Amino acid sequence: MQNPDTAQPHFPKRRQVLTAVAAGGAAALVAPRFAAAAAPTVRPPSAAIYPKAAFLRRSEEGALKSLYGMSTASSSTEVKVDAPEIVVNGAEVPVAVDANLPDITGVAVLAILNPYTLACAYKLPPGTGPAISSRIKLAQTTTVVAVVQSGGALSSASKQVKTTLGGCG
């Protein structure tokens, strides 16, 4: 019997290494096909839920009517909109919206003097907090309006944002 302290270490032969590499490479090439076949197909959301008509409106009333079925929102201290007072470039203006209202189901941000008024819109599932943060484009100095749908009514808050360079055209 050999003494384990004096035994030569066992190294795999070249043929064994090449066989293992080839088998691993073949498995890596074939495995994604089997995984893709077994994985469920993820479908994008239906185009029916995208409010295209609302995004094409050129007025606040038209956008709100297309989006929520109502054309006016009442000003509320429970809705907060946070945006800078002045921006150097209107191409990406940070805007944050928060509200302290019950049963919020939707939030929208409008830029009144943009070519298309509706900048972004969100539908919120029940129980979701209404804190939204996004970046929007502003064509010129304009009023940014945050509209929150709560309990079948629309509440809003607004803020004037001055731009020194336009981002929409």
N, C-alpha and C. Protein backbone atom coordinates (compact mmCIF):
# COMPACT_ATOMS: atom_id res chain seq x y z
N MET A 1 0.84 -1.17 0.00
CA MET A 1 0.00 0.00 0.00
C MET A 1 0.88 1.23 0.00
N GLN A 2 0.42 2.31 -0.70
CA GLN A 2 1.21 3.53 -0.81
C GLN A 2 0.98 4.42 0.39
N ASN A 3 2.01 5.13 0.79
CA ASN A 3 1.92 6.09 1.87
C ASN A 3 1.27 7.36 1.30
N PRO A 4 0.18 7.85 1.90
CA PRO A 4 -0.51 9.02 1.35
C PRO A 4 0.37 10.27 1.37
N ASP A 5 1.35 10.36 2.27
CA ASP A 5 2.20 11.54 2.32
C ASP A 5 3.20 11.58 1.18
N THR A 6 3.56 10.45 0.62
CA THR A 6 4.55 10.41 -0.45
C THR A 6 3.93 10.13 -1.80
N ALA A 7 2.63 9.92 -1.86
CA ALA A 7 1.97 9.60 -3.12
C ALA A 7 1.96 10.82 -4.04
N GLN A 8 2.08 10.57 -5.31
CA GLN A 8 2.02 11.63 -6.31
C GLN A 8 0.58 12.12 -6.42
N PRO A 9 0.39 13.46 -6.56
CA PRO A 9 -0.98 13.95 -6.75
C PRO A 9 -1.52 13.49 -8.09
N HIS A 10 -2.83 13.27 -8.12
CA HIS A 10 -3.47 12.79 -9.35
C HIS A 10 -4.01 13.99 -10.14
N PHE A 11 -3.52 14.17 -11.35
CA PHE A 11 -4.01 15.21 -12.24
C PHE A 11 -4.80 14.55 -13.35
N PRO A 12 -5.92 15.17 -13.77
CA PRO A 12 -6.68 14.56 -14.86
C PRO A 12 -5.88 14.62 -16.16
N LYS A 13 -6.14 13.65 -16.98
CA LYS A 13 -5.46 13.60 -18.27
C LYS A 13 -6.09 14.62 -19.21
N ARG A 14 -5.37 15.02 -20.22
CA ARG A 14 -5.83 16.01 -21.19
C ARG A 14 -7.16 15.59 -21.80
N ARG A 15 -7.31 14.32 -22.11
CA ARG A 15 -8.52 13.81 -22.72
C ARG A 15 -9.72 14.00 -21.79
N GLN A 16 -9.53 13.78 -20.50
CA GLN A 16 -10.62 13.94 -19.54
C GLN A 16 -11.04 15.41 -19.43
N VAL A 17 -10.08 16.32 -19.45
CA VAL A 17 -10.38 17.75 -19.36
C VAL A 17 -11.15 18.20 -20.60
N LEU A 18 -10.71 17.80 -21.79
CA LEU A 18 -11.37 18.19 -23.03
C LEU A 18 -12.79 17.62 -23.10
N THR A 19 -12.98 16.39 -22.64
CA THR A 19 -14.30 15.78 -22.64
C THR A 19 -15.24 16.55 -21.70
N ALA A 20 -14.76 16.93 -20.54
CA ALA A 20 -15.58 17.67 -19.57
C ALA A 20 -15.95 19.05 -20.11
N VAL A 21 -15.00 19.74 -20.74
CA VAL A 21 -15.27 21.07 -21.30
C VAL A 21 -16.29 20.96 -22.44
N ALA A 22 -16.15 19.97 -23.30
CA ALA A 22 -17.09 19.80 -24.40
C ALA A 22 -18.50 19.49 -23.88
N ALA A 23 -18.59 18.62 -22.87
CA ALA A 23 -19.89 18.28 -22.31
C ALA A 23 -20.54 19.51 -21.65
N GLY A 24 -19.76 20.29 -20.93
CA GLY A 24 -20.29 21.50 -20.29
C GLY A 24 -20.74 22.53 -21.31
N GLY A 25 -19.97 22.69 -22.38
CA GLY A 25 -20.34 23.64 -23.43
C GLY A 25 -21.61 23.22 -24.14
N ALA A 26 -21.75 21.94 -24.42
CA ALA A 26 -22.96 21.44 -25.07
C ALA A 26 -24.18 21.63 -24.16
N ALA A 27 -24.00 21.37 -22.88
CA ALA A 27 -25.11 21.55 -21.93
C ALA A 27 -25.51 23.02 -21.85
N ALA A 28 -24.54 23.93 -21.90
CA ALA A 28 -24.84 25.36 -21.82
C ALA A 28 -25.58 25.84 -23.07
N LEU A 29 -25.31 25.24 -24.20
CA LEU A 29 -25.99 25.61 -25.44
C LEU A 29 -27.41 25.06 -25.51
N VAL A 30 -27.61 23.87 -24.98
CA VAL A 30 -28.91 23.21 -25.09
C VAL A 30 -29.85 23.62 -23.96
N ALA A 31 -29.34 23.86 -22.77
CA ALA A 31 -30.17 24.16 -21.61
C ALA A 31 -31.09 25.36 -21.80
N PRO A 32 -30.62 26.49 -22.37
CA PRO A 32 -31.56 27.62 -22.53
C PRO A 32 -32.76 27.27 -23.41
N ARG A 33 -32.59 26.41 -24.40
CA ARG A 33 -33.72 26.02 -25.25
C ARG A 33 -34.75 25.25 -24.46
N PHE A 34 -34.29 24.33 -23.60
CA PHE A 34 -35.21 23.58 -22.77
C PHE A 34 -35.87 24.48 -21.75
N ALA A 35 -35.12 25.42 -21.16
CA ALA A 35 -35.67 26.34 -20.17
C ALA A 35 -36.70 27.26 -20.82
N ALA A 36 -36.43 27.72 -22.04
CA ALA A 36 -37.37 28.61 -22.73
C ALA A 36 -38.65 27.87 -23.09
N ALA A 37 -38.52 26.60 -23.45
CA ALA A 37 -39.70 25.81 -23.81
C ALA A 37 -40.56 25.53 -22.58
N ALA A 38 -39.93 25.37 -21.42
CA ALA A 38 -40.66 25.06 -20.21
C ALA A 38 -41.22 26.31 -19.52
N ALA A 39 -40.61 27.47 -19.79
CA ALA A 39 -41.03 28.70 -19.11
C ALA A 39 -42.36 29.19 -19.68
N PRO A 40 -43.19 29.77 -18.82
CA PRO A 40 -44.46 30.32 -19.31
C PRO A 40 -44.19 31.56 -20.18
N THR A 41 -45.04 31.77 -21.15
CA THR A 41 -44.90 32.91 -22.04
C THR A 41 -45.41 34.16 -21.33
N VAL A 42 -44.58 35.19 -21.29
CA VAL A 42 -44.97 36.46 -20.67
C VAL A 42 -45.46 37.37 -21.78
N ARG A 43 -46.68 37.81 -21.64
CA ARG A 43 -47.27 38.68 -22.65
C ARG A 43 -47.26 40.11 -22.16
N PRO A 44 -47.00 41.06 -23.05
CA PRO A 44 -47.06 42.46 -22.63
C PRO A 44 -48.49 42.85 -22.30
N PRO A 45 -48.65 43.90 -21.51
CA PRO A 45 -50.01 44.34 -21.18
C PRO A 45 -50.80 44.68 -22.44
N SER A 46 -52.07 44.54 -22.36
CA SER A 46 -52.95 44.81 -23.49
C SER A 46 -52.87 46.28 -23.87
N ALA A 47 -52.91 46.57 -25.15
CA ALA A 47 -52.90 47.94 -25.63
C ALA A 47 -54.19 48.65 -25.23
N ALA A 48 -55.21 47.89 -24.87
CA ALA A 48 -56.49 48.49 -24.49
C ALA A 48 -56.38 49.28 -23.19
N ILE A 49 -55.41 48.96 -22.33
CA ILE A 49 -55.29 49.69 -21.07
C ILE A 49 -54.46 50.94 -21.21
N TYR A 50 -53.78 51.14 -22.34
CA TYR A 50 -53.00 52.35 -22.57
C TYR A 50 -53.93 53.47 -23.00
N PRO A 51 -53.96 54.57 -22.25
CA PRO A 51 -54.91 55.66 -22.57
C PRO A 51 -54.38 56.56 -23.69
N LYS A 52 -54.30 56.04 -24.89
CA LYS A 52 -53.73 56.77 -26.02
C LYS A 52 -54.45 58.10 -26.27
N ALA A 53 -55.76 58.09 -26.22
CA ALA A 53 -56.53 59.31 -26.49
C ALA A 53 -56.18 60.41 -25.49
N ALA A 54 -55.96 60.05 -24.24
CA ALA A 54 -55.63 61.05 -23.22
C ALA A 54 -54.27 61.69 -23.50
N PHE A 55 -53.32 60.89 -23.94
CA PHE A 55 -51.98 61.42 -24.22
C PHE A 55 -51.96 62.28 -25.48
N LEU A 56 -52.95 62.18 -26.33
CA LEU A 56 -53.00 62.99 -27.55
C LEU A 56 -53.75 64.31 -27.37
N ARG A 57 -54.36 64.52 -26.23
CA ARG A 57 -55.11 65.75 -25.99
C ARG A 57 -54.17 66.93 -25.78
N ARG A 58 -54.64 68.09 -26.19
CA ARG A 58 -53.82 69.30 -26.11
C ARG A 58 -54.30 70.27 -25.04
N SER A 59 -55.28 69.86 -24.25
CA SER A 59 -55.76 70.71 -23.16
C SER A 59 -55.90 69.89 -21.89
N GLU A 60 -55.89 70.58 -20.76
CA GLU A 60 -56.04 69.91 -19.48
C GLU A 60 -57.41 69.23 -19.38
N GLU A 61 -58.45 69.95 -19.80
CA GLU A 61 -59.80 69.40 -19.72
C GLU A 61 -59.95 68.16 -20.60
N GLY A 62 -59.42 68.21 -21.81
CA GLY A 62 -59.51 67.08 -22.73
C GLY A 62 -58.77 65.86 -22.22
N ALA A 63 -57.57 66.08 -21.66
CA ALA A 63 -56.78 64.97 -21.13
C ALA A 63 -57.49 64.33 -19.94
N LEU A 64 -58.00 65.15 -19.03
CA LEU A 64 -58.70 64.60 -17.86
C LEU A 64 -59.98 63.88 -18.26
N LYS A 65 -60.71 64.42 -19.22
CA LYS A 65 -61.95 63.79 -19.69
C LYS A 65 -61.65 62.42 -20.31
N SER A 66 -60.59 62.35 -21.12
CA SER A 66 -60.22 61.07 -21.74
C SER A 66 -59.70 60.06 -20.73
N LEU A 67 -59.00 60.55 -19.73
CA LEU A 67 -58.36 59.65 -18.77
C LEU A 67 -59.32 59.20 -17.66
N TYR A 68 -60.11 60.14 -17.12
CA TYR A 68 -60.93 59.84 -15.95
C TYR A 68 -62.43 59.99 -16.18
N GLY A 69 -62.84 60.54 -17.33
CA GLY A 69 -64.25 60.76 -17.58
C GLY A 69 -64.79 62.03 -16.95
N MET A 70 -63.93 62.82 -16.34
CA MET A 70 -64.29 64.11 -15.73
C MET A 70 -63.31 65.15 -16.25
N SER A 71 -63.78 66.37 -16.44
CA SER A 71 -62.90 67.37 -17.06
C SER A 71 -62.33 68.39 -16.08
N THR A 72 -62.73 68.36 -14.83
CA THR A 72 -62.20 69.33 -13.87
C THR A 72 -61.76 68.64 -12.59
N ALA A 73 -60.72 69.22 -11.97
CA ALA A 73 -60.21 68.73 -10.70
C ALA A 73 -60.21 69.89 -9.72
N SER A 74 -60.61 69.61 -8.50
CA SER A 74 -60.62 70.67 -7.48
C SER A 74 -59.25 70.74 -6.81
N SER A 75 -58.81 71.95 -6.53
CA SER A 75 -57.54 72.16 -5.85
C SER A 75 -57.63 71.64 -4.42
N SER A 76 -56.57 70.94 -3.97
CA SER A 76 -56.60 70.34 -2.64
C SER A 76 -55.24 70.48 -1.96
N THR A 77 -55.27 70.77 -0.67
CA THR A 77 -54.03 70.83 0.11
C THR A 77 -53.54 69.43 0.46
N GLU A 78 -54.37 68.41 0.22
CA GLU A 78 -53.97 67.03 0.50
C GLU A 78 -53.10 66.44 -0.61
N VAL A 79 -53.01 67.12 -1.73
CA VAL A 79 -52.17 66.68 -2.85
C VAL A 79 -50.92 67.55 -2.86
N LYS A 80 -49.78 66.92 -2.94
CA LYS A 80 -48.51 67.64 -2.95
C LYS A 80 -47.77 67.34 -4.25
N VAL A 81 -47.27 68.37 -4.91
CA VAL A 81 -46.44 68.21 -6.10
C VAL A 81 -45.10 68.88 -5.81
N ASP A 82 -44.03 68.14 -6.07
CA ASP A 82 -42.69 68.65 -5.84
C ASP A 82 -41.95 68.68 -7.17
N ALA A 83 -41.54 69.88 -7.57
CA ALA A 83 -40.78 70.08 -8.81
C ALA A 83 -39.90 71.29 -8.58
N PRO A 84 -38.77 71.37 -9.28
CA PRO A 84 -37.92 72.55 -9.10
C PRO A 84 -38.59 73.82 -9.61
N GLU A 85 -38.27 74.93 -9.02
CA GLU A 85 -38.84 76.20 -9.48
C GLU A 85 -38.24 76.64 -10.81
N ILE A 86 -36.97 76.30 -11.03
CA ILE A 86 -36.30 76.65 -12.28
C ILE A 86 -35.42 75.49 -12.70
N VAL A 87 -35.45 75.18 -14.00
CA VAL A 87 -34.61 74.12 -14.54
C VAL A 87 -33.81 74.67 -15.71
N VAL A 88 -32.59 74.19 -15.85
CA VAL A 88 -31.75 74.64 -16.95
C VAL A 88 -32.19 74.00 -18.25
N ASN A 89 -32.57 72.74 -18.18
CA ASN A 89 -32.94 72.00 -19.39
C ASN A 89 -34.31 71.35 -19.17
N GLY A 90 -35.25 71.67 -20.02
CA GLY A 90 -36.59 71.11 -19.89
C GLY A 90 -36.72 69.68 -20.36
N ALA A 91 -35.61 69.08 -20.82
CA ALA A 91 -35.67 67.71 -21.35
C ALA A 91 -35.93 66.67 -20.28
N GLU A 92 -35.52 66.92 -19.06
CA GLU A 92 -35.81 65.98 -17.98
C GLU A 92 -35.97 66.73 -16.66
N VAL A 93 -37.21 66.94 -16.33
CA VAL A 93 -37.57 67.68 -15.12
C VAL A 93 -38.11 66.70 -14.09
N PRO A 94 -37.47 66.61 -12.93
CA PRO A 94 -37.97 65.69 -11.90
C PRO A 94 -39.25 66.22 -11.26
N VAL A 95 -40.23 65.34 -11.15
CA VAL A 95 -41.51 65.69 -10.54
C VAL A 95 -41.91 64.56 -9.59
N ALA A 96 -42.35 64.93 -8.40
CA ALA A 96 -42.83 63.94 -7.43
C ALA A 96 -44.23 64.34 -6.97
N VAL A 97 -45.08 63.36 -6.81
CA VAL A 97 -46.46 63.59 -6.38
C VAL A 97 -46.74 62.69 -5.18
N ASP A 98 -47.41 63.25 -4.20
CA ASP A 98 -47.86 62.48 -3.05
C ASP A 98 -49.22 63.03 -2.62
N ALA A 99 -50.00 62.20 -1.98
CA ALA A 99 -51.33 62.64 -1.56
C ALA A 99 -51.72 61.93 -0.28
N ASN A 100 -52.54 62.61 0.49
CA ASN A 100 -53.06 62.06 1.74
C ASN A 100 -54.58 61.98 1.63
N LEU A 101 -55.04 61.16 0.68
CA LEU A 101 -56.47 60.98 0.43
C LEU A 101 -56.81 59.49 0.50
N PRO A 102 -58.04 59.14 0.81
CA PRO A 102 -58.42 57.72 0.85
C PRO A 102 -58.74 57.18 -0.54
N ASP A 103 -58.55 55.90 -0.72
CA ASP A 103 -58.97 55.17 -1.93
C ASP A 103 -58.43 55.80 -3.23
N ILE A 104 -57.14 56.04 -3.29
CA ILE A 104 -56.55 56.62 -4.50
C ILE A 104 -56.41 55.53 -5.55
N THR A 105 -56.93 55.81 -6.75
CA THR A 105 -56.87 54.82 -7.84
C THR A 105 -56.08 55.30 -9.04
N GLY A 106 -55.73 56.58 -9.09
CA GLY A 106 -54.97 57.09 -10.23
C GLY A 106 -54.25 58.38 -9.92
N VAL A 107 -53.11 58.57 -10.60
CA VAL A 107 -52.32 59.79 -10.48
C VAL A 107 -51.89 60.19 -11.88
N ALA A 108 -51.99 61.48 -12.19
CA ALA A 108 -51.55 61.98 -13.49
C ALA A 108 -50.77 63.27 -13.29
N VAL A 109 -49.81 63.51 -14.18
CA VAL A 109 -49.04 64.75 -14.17
C VAL A 109 -49.25 65.41 -15.52
N LEU A 110 -49.64 66.67 -15.50
CA LEU A 110 -49.89 67.43 -16.72
C LEU A 110 -48.96 68.64 -16.79
N ALA A 111 -48.49 68.95 -17.98
CA ALA A 111 -47.71 70.15 -18.24
C ALA A 111 -48.57 71.01 -19.16
N ILE A 112 -49.14 72.07 -18.63
CA ILE A 112 -50.20 72.80 -19.29
C ILE A 112 -49.82 73.36 -20.67
N LEU A 113 -48.63 73.91 -20.83
CA LEU A 113 -48.25 74.51 -22.11
C LEU A 113 -47.45 73.59 -23.03
N ASN A 114 -47.33 72.33 -22.68
CA ASN A 114 -46.67 71.37 -23.58
C ASN A 114 -47.56 71.13 -24.81
N PRO A 115 -46.97 70.70 -25.92
CA PRO A 115 -47.80 70.39 -27.10
C PRO A 115 -48.88 69.35 -26.79
N TYR A 116 -48.55 68.34 -26.00
CA TYR A 116 -49.52 67.37 -25.51
C TYR A 116 -49.49 67.48 -23.99
N THR A 117 -50.62 67.81 -23.41
CA THR A 117 -50.68 68.20 -22.00
C THR A 117 -50.33 67.09 -21.02
N LEU A 118 -50.82 65.88 -21.24
CA LEU A 118 -50.60 64.79 -20.29
C LEU A 118 -49.16 64.29 -20.39
N ALA A 119 -48.41 64.41 -19.30
CA ALA A 119 -47.01 63.97 -19.29
C ALA A 119 -46.88 62.52 -18.85
N CYS A 120 -47.62 62.11 -17.82
CA CYS A 120 -47.60 60.72 -17.37
C CYS A 120 -48.87 60.44 -16.56
N ALA A 121 -49.25 59.17 -16.55
CA ALA A 121 -50.45 58.76 -15.82
C ALA A 121 -50.22 57.37 -15.23
N TYR A 122 -50.75 57.16 -14.05
CA TYR A 122 -50.58 55.88 -13.35
C TYR A 122 -51.91 55.42 -12.81
N LYS A 123 -52.21 54.13 -12.98
CA LYS A 123 -53.36 53.51 -12.32
C LYS A 123 -52.79 52.72 -11.15
N LEU A 124 -53.37 52.93 -9.98
CA LEU A 124 -52.85 52.31 -8.77
C LEU A 124 -53.80 51.24 -8.26
N PRO A 125 -53.28 50.06 -7.94
CA PRO A 125 -54.13 49.03 -7.36
C PRO A 125 -54.51 49.41 -5.92
N PRO A 126 -55.61 48.86 -5.42
CA PRO A 126 -56.05 49.18 -4.05
C PRO A 126 -54.94 48.90 -3.03
N GLY A 127 -54.81 49.81 -2.08
CA GLY A 127 -53.83 49.65 -1.02
C GLY A 127 -52.45 50.16 -1.36
N THR A 128 -52.25 50.66 -2.56
CA THR A 128 -50.94 51.15 -2.97
C THR A 128 -50.77 52.59 -2.52
N GLY A 129 -49.59 52.92 -2.03
CA GLY A 129 -49.30 54.30 -1.66
C GLY A 129 -49.21 55.17 -2.89
N PRO A 130 -49.67 56.41 -2.82
CA PRO A 130 -49.73 57.25 -4.01
C PRO A 130 -48.45 58.02 -4.32
N ALA A 131 -47.34 57.73 -3.68
CA ALA A 131 -46.10 58.46 -3.92
C ALA A 131 -45.54 58.08 -5.30
N ILE A 132 -45.50 59.04 -6.20
CA ILE A 132 -45.03 58.83 -7.57
C ILE A 132 -43.88 59.79 -7.84
N SER A 133 -42.86 59.31 -8.50
CA SER A 133 -41.74 60.15 -8.90
C SER A 133 -41.40 59.83 -10.35
N SER A 134 -41.22 60.87 -11.15
CA SER A 134 -40.96 60.67 -12.57
C SER A 134 -40.15 61.85 -13.10
N ARG A 135 -39.72 61.74 -14.34
CA ARG A 135 -39.08 62.84 -15.05
C ARG A 135 -39.92 63.12 -16.28
N ILE A 136 -40.22 64.40 -16.50
CA ILE A 136 -41.04 64.78 -17.64
C ILE A 136 -40.30 65.82 -18.48
N LYS A 137 -40.77 66.02 -19.71
CA LYS A 137 -40.24 67.06 -20.59
C LYS A 137 -41.14 68.27 -20.53
N LEU A 138 -40.52 69.43 -20.54
CA LEU A 138 -41.28 70.68 -20.59
C LEU A 138 -40.81 71.47 -21.81
N ALA A 139 -41.77 71.93 -22.61
CA ALA A 139 -41.44 72.68 -23.82
C ALA A 139 -41.04 74.11 -23.48
N GLN A 140 -41.58 74.64 -22.40
CA GLN A 140 -41.33 76.02 -22.01
C GLN A 140 -41.73 76.20 -20.55
N THR A 141 -41.56 77.40 -20.05
CA THR A 141 -42.02 77.68 -18.69
C THR A 141 -43.53 77.42 -18.64
N THR A 142 -43.93 76.62 -17.67
CA THR A 142 -45.34 76.21 -17.62
C THR A 142 -45.73 75.81 -16.20
N THR A 143 -47.00 75.58 -16.04
CA THR A 143 -47.53 75.07 -14.78
C THR A 143 -47.60 73.55 -14.87
N VAL A 144 -47.04 72.88 -13.87
CA VAL A 144 -47.12 71.43 -13.77
C VAL A 144 -48.24 71.12 -12.78
N VAL A 145 -49.19 70.31 -13.21
CA VAL A 145 -50.36 69.99 -12.38
C VAL A 145 -50.35 68.50 -12.06
N ALA A 146 -50.49 68.18 -10.78
CA ALA A 146 -50.64 66.80 -10.34
C ALA A 146 -52.11 66.56 -10.03
N VAL A 147 -52.69 65.54 -10.64
CA VAL A 147 -54.10 65.22 -10.44
C VAL A 147 -54.19 63.83 -9.83
N VAL A 148 -54.96 63.71 -8.77
CA VAL A 148 -55.13 62.44 -8.06
C VAL A 148 -56.60 62.06 -8.09
N GLN A 149 -56.88 60.82 -8.52
CA GLN A 149 -58.25 60.31 -8.51
C GLN A 149 -58.46 59.56 -7.20
N SER A 150 -59.46 60.00 -6.43
CA SER A 150 -59.71 59.40 -5.13
C SER A 150 -61.21 59.37 -4.88
N GLY A 151 -61.74 58.20 -4.65
CA GLY A 151 -63.15 58.07 -4.33
C GLY A 151 -64.07 58.64 -5.39
N GLY A 152 -63.71 58.55 -6.65
CA GLY A 152 -64.54 59.02 -7.74
C GLY A 152 -64.44 60.51 -8.01
N ALA A 153 -63.56 61.21 -7.30
CA ALA A 153 -63.37 62.65 -7.50
C ALA A 153 -61.92 62.93 -7.88
N LEU A 154 -61.68 64.07 -8.50
CA LEU A 154 -60.33 64.47 -8.88
C LEU A 154 -59.87 65.64 -8.02
N SER A 155 -58.69 65.51 -7.44
CA SER A 155 -58.08 66.57 -6.65
C SER A 155 -56.74 66.91 -7.28
N SER A 156 -56.32 68.16 -7.14
CA SER A 156 -55.08 68.57 -7.82
C SER A 156 -54.27 69.55 -7.00
N ALA A 157 -53.02 69.67 -7.41
CA ALA A 157 -52.10 70.69 -6.90
C ALA A 157 -51.23 71.08 -8.08
N SER A 158 -50.71 72.29 -8.06
CA SER A 158 -49.90 72.74 -9.21
C SER A 158 -48.68 73.52 -8.75
N LYS A 159 -47.73 73.65 -9.66
CA LYS A 159 -46.51 74.41 -9.39
C LYS A 159 -45.98 74.96 -10.70
N GLN A 160 -45.58 76.21 -10.69
CA GLN A 160 -44.99 76.85 -11.85
C GLN A 160 -43.52 76.42 -11.94
N VAL A 161 -43.08 75.98 -13.13
CA VAL A 161 -41.69 75.58 -13.35
C VAL A 161 -41.15 76.40 -14.51
N LYS A 162 -40.07 77.12 -14.24
CA LYS A 162 -39.46 77.97 -15.27
C LYS A 162 -38.34 77.19 -15.94
N THR A 163 -38.37 77.11 -17.26
CA THR A 163 -37.33 76.43 -18.02
C THR A 163 -36.53 77.45 -18.82
N THR A 164 -35.21 77.20 -18.92
CA THR A 164 -34.38 78.11 -19.69
C THR A 164 -34.10 77.52 -21.07
N LEU A 165 -34.16 76.21 -21.24
CA LEU A 165 -34.05 75.54 -22.54
C LEU A 165 -35.21 74.57 -22.67
N GLY A 166 -35.86 74.56 -23.83
CA GLY A 166 -36.99 73.66 -24.03
C GLY A 166 -36.56 72.24 -24.27
N GLY A 167 -37.41 71.29 -23.93
CA GLY A 167 -37.10 69.89 -24.12
C GLY A 167 -38.03 69.20 -25.08
N CYS A 168 -39.09 69.84 -25.52
CA CYS A 168 -40.09 69.18 -26.35
C CYS A 168 -40.03 69.59 -27.83
N GLY A 169 -39.06 70.30 -28.23
CA GLY A 169 -39.07 70.64 -29.64
C GLY A 169 -38.15 71.73 -30.02
